């Protein structure tokens, strides 16, 4: 509620377990849409990748692209494929 205009609707596109550089991970991706005055965008695609890195706290990668730049949505998969755990 603090980061996105409301009301909004979320459509989950991926919610899956995966392995990242040999580490257990979880990918959660969704499209968010809203109709709020004062915003150029009416939605965005976001992806959260949570990775067990063997420490007390996991690593989190958050990618967010507004629909005003929807031509960049394909970059999400490219970024996710290039993640290395050090």
Protein backbone atom coordinates (compact mmCIF):
# COMPACT_ATOMS: atom_id res chain seq x y z
CA UNK A 1 0.00 0.00 0.00
CA UNK A 2 2.94 2.34 0.59
CA UNK A 3 4.51 1.79 -2.83
CA UNK A 4 1.66 1.50 -5.35
CA UNK A 5 -1.43 3.58 -5.96
CA UNK A 6 -4.69 2.04 -4.92
CA UNK A 7 -6.94 0.48 -5.42
CA UNK A 8 -4.99 -1.90 -7.60
CA UNK A 9 -5.32 -5.41 -8.95
CA UNK A 10 -2.60 -8.04 -9.03
CA UNK A 11 -2.40 -10.85 -11.57
CA UNK A 12 0.22 -13.45 -10.68
CA UNK A 13 2.09 -14.67 -13.76
CA UNK A 14 4.70 -16.88 -12.05
CA UNK A 15 5.04 -18.33 -8.57
CA UNK A 16 7.63 -21.06 -8.72
CA UNK A 17 10.52 -22.74 -7.01
CA UNK A 18 13.79 -22.66 -8.93
CA UNK A 19 17.51 -23.03 -8.51
CA UNK A 20 19.81 -20.03 -8.89
CA UNK A 21 23.50 -20.75 -9.23
CA UNK A 22 23.02 -23.97 -7.22
CA UNK A 23 20.90 -22.32 -4.50
CA UNK A 24 17.23 -22.88 -3.73
CA UNK A 25 15.11 -19.90 -4.75
CA UNK A 26 11.55 -18.73 -5.24
CA UNK A 27 10.32 -16.50 -8.08
CA UNK A 28 7.14 -14.48 -7.71
CA UNK A 29 6.15 -12.35 -10.70
CA UNK A 30 2.98 -10.32 -11.17
CA UNK A 31 1.29 -7.63 -13.20
CA UNK A 32 -0.22 -4.83 -11.17
CA UNK A 33 -2.83 -2.47 -12.59
CA UNK A 34 -4.51 0.66 -11.27
CA UNK A 35 -6.51 3.66 -12.39
CA UNK A 36 -5.27 6.57 -10.30
CA UNK A 37 -4.92 10.21 -11.27
CA UNK A 38 -1.44 11.69 -11.34
CA UNK A 39 0.38 8.63 -12.69
CA UNK A 40 1.71 8.24 -16.21
CA UNK A 41 1.62 4.46 -15.84
CA UNK A 42 -1.55 2.45 -15.23
CA UNK A 43 0.35 -0.62 -14.09
CA UNK A 44 3.62 -2.47 -14.01
CA UNK A 45 5.24 -5.86 -14.07
CA UNK A 46 7.26 -6.82 -11.02
CA UNK A 47 9.34 -9.86 -10.16
CA UNK A 48 10.78 -10.87 -6.80
CA UNK A 49 13.47 -13.50 -6.61
CA UNK A 50 14.21 -14.79 -3.10
CA UNK A 51 17.41 -16.85 -2.84
CA UNK A 52 18.65 -19.01 0.03
CA UNK A 53 22.29 -17.94 0.20
CA UNK A 54 23.14 -19.98 3.30
CA UNK A 55 22.99 -17.04 5.71
CA UNK A 56 20.43 -15.98 8.31
CA UNK A 57 18.73 -13.68 5.78
CA UNK A 58 18.03 -14.64 2.16
CA UNK A 59 18.98 -12.48 -0.80
CA UNK A 60 16.17 -10.63 -2.58
CA UNK A 61 16.17 -9.24 -6.10
CA UNK A 62 13.23 -6.99 -6.96
CA UNK A 63 12.60 -5.86 -10.52
CA UNK A 64 9.84 -3.40 -11.37
CA UNK A 65 9.02 -2.02 -14.83
CA UNK A 66 6.07 0.36 -15.39
CA UNK A 67 3.78 -0.34 -18.34
CA UNK A 68 4.89 2.94 -19.89
CA UNK A 69 8.03 0.94 -20.74
CA UNK A 70 6.38 -2.43 -21.44
CA UNK A 71 8.84 -3.07 -24.27
CA UNK A 72 11.36 -3.82 -21.49
CA UNK A 73 9.33 -6.62 -19.87
CA UNK A 74 11.51 -9.21 -21.63
CA UNK A 75 14.53 -7.87 -19.75
CA UNK A 76 13.17 -9.47 -16.58
CA UNK A 77 13.97 -12.97 -17.84
CA UNK A 78 17.40 -11.89 -19.02
CA UNK A 79 18.24 -10.45 -15.59
CA UNK A 80 16.91 -13.53 -13.78
CA UNK A 81 18.98 -15.85 -15.97
CA UNK A 82 22.17 -13.87 -15.24
CA UNK A 83 21.96 -13.89 -11.42
CA UNK A 84 25.04 -15.33 -9.72
CA UNK A 85 25.33 -16.07 -6.02
CA UNK A 86 28.72 -15.11 -4.61
